[in-house]
Amino acid sequence: MRAYRGHVFKFEEHLQRMADGAAELGIPLPLDPPSIADAVRETLDANQV
């Protein structure tokens, strides 16, 4: 994913595609999409991206 000034390009689309792909393959995600979004935002902030 590309991030510009603290924002991931097409972030919601990335999360939805990941969740859909995992569900289709029967792979449980360790976190729900909103929690993943929070973790990504925290990582961007911590790295000043």
PDB file of N, CA and C in Angstrom:
ATOM      1  N   MET A   1       0.839  -1.166   0.000  1.00  0.00           N
ATOM      2  CA  MET A   1       0.000   0.000   0.000  1.00  0.00           C
ATOM      3  C   MET A   1       0.888   1.234   0.000  1.00  0.00           C
ATOM      4  N   ARG A   2       0.470   2.218  -0.736  1.00  0.00           N
ATOM      5  CA  ARG A   2       1.197   3.481  -0.771  1.00  0.00           C
ATOM      6  C   ARG A   2       0.537   4.469   0.189  1.00  0.00           C
ATOM      7  N   ALA A   3       1.383   5.192   0.894  1.00  0.00           N
ATOM      8  CA  ALA A   3       0.881   6.202   1.828  1.00  0.00           C
ATOM      9  C   ALA A   3       1.450   7.555   1.445  1.00  0.00           C
ATOM     10  N   TYR A   4       0.593   8.548   1.438  1.00  0.00           N
ATOM     11  CA  TYR A   4       0.980   9.914   1.130  1.00  0.00           C
ATOM     12  C   TYR A   4       0.469  10.827   2.226  1.00  0.00           C
ATOM     13  N   ARG A   5       1.384  11.527   2.869  1.00  0.00           N
ATOM     14  CA  ARG A   5       1.022  12.489   3.917  1.00  0.00           C
ATOM     15  C   ARG A   5       0.077  11.890   4.961  1.00  0.00           C
ATOM     16  N   GLY A   6       0.399  10.683   5.385  1.00  0.00           N
ATOM     17  CA  GLY A   6      -0.377  10.051   6.440  1.00  0.00           C
ATOM     18  C   GLY A   6      -1.643   9.347   6.001  1.00  0.00           C
ATOM     19  N   HIS A   7      -1.866   9.267   4.698  1.00  0.00           N
ATOM     20  CA  HIS A   7      -3.072   8.618   4.183  1.00  0.00           C
ATOM     21  C   HIS A   7      -2.679   7.526   3.197  1.00  0.00           C
ATOM     22  N   VAL A   8      -3.268   6.355   3.369  1.00  0.00           N
ATOM     23  CA  VAL A   8      -3.008   5.247   2.452  1.00  0.00           C
ATOM     24  C   VAL A   8      -3.910   5.406   1.238  1.00  0.00           C
ATOM     25  N   PHE A   9      -3.307   5.319   0.063  1.00  0.00           N
ATOM     26  CA  PHE A   9      -4.038   5.440  -1.196  1.00  0.00           C
ATOM     27  C   PHE A   9      -5.044   4.298  -1.318  1.00  0.00           C
ATOM     28  N   LYS A  10      -6.297   4.641  -1.518  1.00  0.00           N
ATOM     29  CA  LYS A  10      -7.397   3.676  -1.658  1.00  0.00           C
ATOM     30  C   LYS A  10      -7.437   2.676  -0.498  1.00  0.00           C
ATOM     31  N   PHE A  11      -7.302   3.204   0.696  1.00  0.00           N
ATOM     32  CA  PHE A  11      -7.210   2.391   1.910  1.00  0.00           C
ATOM     33  C   PHE A  11      -8.423   1.493   2.114  1.00  0.00           C
ATOM     34  N   GLU A  12      -9.607   2.046   2.003  1.00  0.00           N
ATOM     35  CA  GLU A  12     -10.823   1.252   2.228  1.00  0.00           C
ATOM     36  C   GLU A  12     -10.922   0.110   1.217  1.00  0.00           C
ATOM     37  N   GLU A  13     -10.548   0.386  -0.040  1.00  0.00           N
ATOM     38  CA  GLU A  13     -10.581  -0.652  -1.062  1.00  0.00           C
ATOM     39  C   GLU A  13      -9.590  -1.773  -0.737  1.00  0.00           C
ATOM     40  N   HIS A  14      -8.399  -1.413  -0.258  1.00  0.00           N
ATOM     41  CA  HIS A  14      -7.409  -2.415   0.133  1.00  0.00           C
ATOM     42  C   HIS A  14      -7.955  -3.308   1.251  1.00  0.00           C
ATOM     43  N   LEU A  15      -8.527  -2.677   2.271  1.00  0.00           N
ATOM     44  CA  LEU A  15      -9.054  -3.452   3.399  1.00  0.00           C
ATOM     45  C   LEU A  15     -10.180  -4.383   2.965  1.00  0.00           C
ATOM     46  N   GLN A  16     -11.066  -3.878   2.129  1.00  0.00           N
ATOM     47  CA  GLN A  16     -12.188  -4.697   1.668  1.00  0.00           C
ATOM     48  C   GLN A  16     -11.697  -5.870   0.834  1.00  0.00           C
ATOM     49  N   ARG A  17     -10.751  -5.610  -0.057  1.00  0.00           N
ATOM     50  CA  ARG A  17     -10.208  -6.674  -0.903  1.00  0.00           C
ATOM     51  C   ARG A  17      -9.513  -7.744  -0.057  1.00  0.00           C
ATOM     52  N   MET A  18      -8.768  -7.304   0.968  1.00  0.00           N
ATOM     53  CA  MET A  18      -8.091  -8.248   1.849  1.00  0.00           C
ATOM     54  C   MET A  18      -9.111  -9.107   2.603  1.00  0.00           C
ATOM     55  N   ALA A  19     -10.136  -8.478   3.161  1.00  0.00           N
ATOM     56  CA  ALA A  19     -11.161  -9.207   3.910  1.00  0.00           C
ATOM     57  C   ALA A  19     -11.917 -10.174   3.004  1.00  0.00           C
ATOM     58  N   ASP A  20     -12.261  -9.723   1.806  1.00  0.00           N
ATOM     59  CA  ASP A  20     -12.978 -10.590   0.864  1.00  0.00           C
ATOM     60  C   ASP A  20     -12.119 -11.779   0.441  1.00  0.00           C
ATOM     61  N   GLY A  21     -10.849 -11.515   0.138  1.00  0.00           N
ATOM     62  CA  GLY A  21      -9.951 -12.588  -0.279  1.00  0.00           C
ATOM     63  C   GLY A  21      -9.732 -13.605   0.827  1.00  0.00           C
ATOM     64  N   ALA A  22      -9.545 -13.127   2.038  1.00  0.00           N
ATOM     65  CA  ALA A  22      -9.349 -14.034   3.174  1.00  0.00           C
ATOM     66  C   ALA A  22     -10.594 -14.893   3.390  1.00  0.00           C
ATOM     67  N   ALA A  23     -11.765 -14.282   3.305  1.00  0.00           N
ATOM     68  CA  ALA A  23     -13.011 -15.030   3.491  1.00  0.00           C
ATOM     69  C   ALA A  23     -13.180 -16.091   2.405  1.00  0.00           C
ATOM     70  N   GLU A  24     -12.869 -15.721   1.174  1.00  0.00           N
ATOM     71  CA  GLU A  24     -13.011 -16.665   0.066  1.00  0.00           C
ATOM     72  C   GLU A  24     -12.069 -17.861   0.221  1.00  0.00           C
ATOM     73  N   LEU A  25     -10.892 -17.615   0.777  1.00  0.00           N
ATOM     74  CA  LEU A  25      -9.918 -18.689   0.974  1.00  0.00           C
ATOM     75  C   LEU A  25     -10.083 -19.412   2.307  1.00  0.00           C
ATOM     76  N   GLY A  26     -11.023 -18.932   3.130  1.00  0.00           N
ATOM     77  CA  GLY A  26     -11.248 -19.553   4.431  1.00  0.00           C
ATOM     78  C   GLY A  26     -10.163 -19.244   5.445  1.00  0.00           C
ATOM     79  N   ILE A  27      -9.508 -18.104   5.264  1.00  0.00           N
ATOM     80  CA  ILE A  27      -8.438 -17.700   6.174  1.00  0.00           C
ATOM     81  C   ILE A  27      -9.008 -16.700   7.177  1.00  0.00           C
ATOM     82  N   PRO A  28      -9.021 -17.052   8.448  1.00  0.00           N
ATOM     83  CA  PRO A  28      -9.532 -16.097   9.438  1.00  0.00           C
ATOM     84  C   PRO A  28      -8.525 -14.959   9.645  1.00  0.00           C
ATOM     85  N   LEU A  29      -9.028 -13.743   9.678  1.00  0.00           N
ATOM     86  CA  LEU A  29      -8.168 -12.599   9.973  1.00  0.00           C
ATOM     87  C   LEU A  29      -8.025 -12.478  11.488  1.00  0.00           C
ATOM     88  N   PRO A  30      -6.829 -12.166  11.971  1.00  0.00           N
ATOM     89  CA  PRO A  30      -6.634 -12.062  13.417  1.00  0.00           C
ATOM     90  C   PRO A  30      -7.346 -10.849  14.024  1.00  0.00           C
ATOM     91  N   LEU A  31      -7.652  -9.865  13.180  1.00  0.00           N
ATOM     92  CA  LEU A  31      -8.351  -8.653  13.623  1.00  0.00           C
ATOM     93  C   LEU A  31      -9.458  -8.340  12.633  1.00  0.00           C
ATOM     94  N   ASP A  32     -10.459  -7.598  13.079  1.00  0.00           N
ATOM     95  CA  ASP A  32     -11.487  -7.150  12.150  1.00  0.00           C
ATOM     96  C   ASP A  32     -10.943  -5.949  11.362  1.00  0.00           C
ATOM     97  N   PRO A  33     -11.523  -5.647  10.186  1.00  0.00           N
ATOM     98  CA  PRO A  33     -10.999  -4.557   9.360  1.00  0.00           C
ATOM     99  C   PRO A  33     -10.852  -3.206  10.080  1.00  0.00           C
ATOM    100  N   PRO A  34     -11.795  -2.788  10.940  1.00  0.00           N
ATOM    101  CA  PRO A  34     -11.570  -1.514  11.643  1.00  0.00           C
ATOM    102  C   PRO A  34     -10.337  -1.544  12.556  1.00  0.00           C
ATOM    103  N   SER A  35     -10.075  -2.684  13.182  1.00  0.00           N
ATOM    104  CA  SER A  35      -8.887  -2.799  14.036  1.00  0.00           C
ATOM    105  C   SER A  35      -7.613  -2.786  13.200  1.00  0.00           C
ATOM    106  N   ILE A  36      -7.664  -3.408  12.034  1.00  0.00           N
ATOM    107  CA  ILE A  36      -6.515  -3.373  11.128  1.00  0.00           C
ATOM    108  C   ILE A  36      -6.268  -1.939  10.680  1.00  0.00           C
ATOM    109  N   ALA A  37      -7.332  -1.219  10.359  1.00  0.00           N
ATOM    110  CA  ALA A  37      -7.200   0.182   9.951  1.00  0.00           C
ATOM    111  C   ALA A  37      -6.555   1.005  11.059  1.00  0.00           C
ATOM    112  N   ASP A  38      -6.970   0.790  12.284  1.00  0.00           N
ATOM    113  CA  ASP A  38      -6.368   1.510  13.417  1.00  0.00           C
ATOM    114  C   ASP A  38      -4.880   1.203  13.531  1.00  0.00           C
ATOM    115  N   ALA A  39      -4.514  -0.065  13.377  1.00  0.00           N
ATOM    116  CA  ALA A  39      -3.107  -0.460  13.481  1.00  0.00           C
ATOM    117  C   ALA A  39      -2.275   0.170  12.365  1.00  0.00           C
ATOM    118  N   VAL A  40      -2.823   0.226  11.174  1.00  0.00           N
ATOM    119  CA  VAL A  40      -2.105   0.853  10.056  1.00  0.00           C
ATOM    120  C   VAL A  40      -1.916   2.341  10.329  1.00  0.00           C
ATOM    121  N   ARG A  41      -2.953   2.998  10.809  1.00  0.00           N
ATOM    122  CA  ARG A  41      -2.838   4.439  11.102  1.00  0.00           C
ATOM    123  C   ARG A  41      -1.823   4.699  12.214  1.00  0.00           C
ATOM    124  N   GLU A  42      -1.823   3.862  13.230  1.00  0.00           N
ATOM    125  CA  GLU A  42      -0.839   4.002  14.315  1.00  0.00           C
ATOM    126  C   GLU A  42       0.581   3.813  13.782  1.00  0.00           C
ATOM    127  N   THR A  43       0.748   2.857  12.876  1.00  0.00           N
ATOM    128  CA  THR A  43       2.066   2.612  12.285  1.00  0.00           C
ATOM    129  C   THR A  43       2.514   3.803  11.448  1.00  0.00           C
ATOM    130  N   LEU A  44       1.596   4.368  10.667  1.00  0.00           N
ATOM    131  CA  LEU A  44       1.933   5.557   9.882  1.00  0.00           C
ATOM    132  C   LEU A  44       2.347   6.707  10.791  1.00  0.00           C
ATOM    133  N   ASP A  45       1.596   6.923  11.853  1.00  0.00           N
ATOM    134  CA  ASP A  45       1.922   7.995  12.800  1.00  0.00           C
ATOM    135  C   ASP A  45       3.279   7.763  13.454  1.00  0.00           C
ATOM    136  N   ALA A  46       3.533   6.538  13.882  1.00  0.00           N
ATOM    137  CA  ALA A  46       4.787   6.220  14.565  1.00  0.00           C
ATOM    138  C   ALA A  46       5.993   6.421  13.654  1.00  0.00           C
ATOM    139  N   ASN A  47       5.783   6.205  12.353  1.00  0.00           N
ATOM    140  CA  ASN A  47       6.871   6.348  11.390  1.00  0.00           C
ATOM    141  C   ASN A  47       6.848   7.692  10.673  1.00  0.00           C
ATOM    142  N   GLN A  48       5.962   8.562  11.107  1.00  0.00           N
ATOM    143  CA  GLN A  48       5.824   9.910  10.546  1.00  0.00           C
ATOM    144  C   GLN A  48       5.682   9.889   9.021  1.00  0.00           C
ATOM    145  N   VAL A  49       4.822   8.992   8.560  1.00  0.00           N
ATOM    146  CA  VAL A  49       4.569   8.881   7.117  1.00  0.00           C
ATOM    147  C   VAL A  49       3.375   9.731   6.772  1.00  0.00           C
TER     148      VAL A  49
END
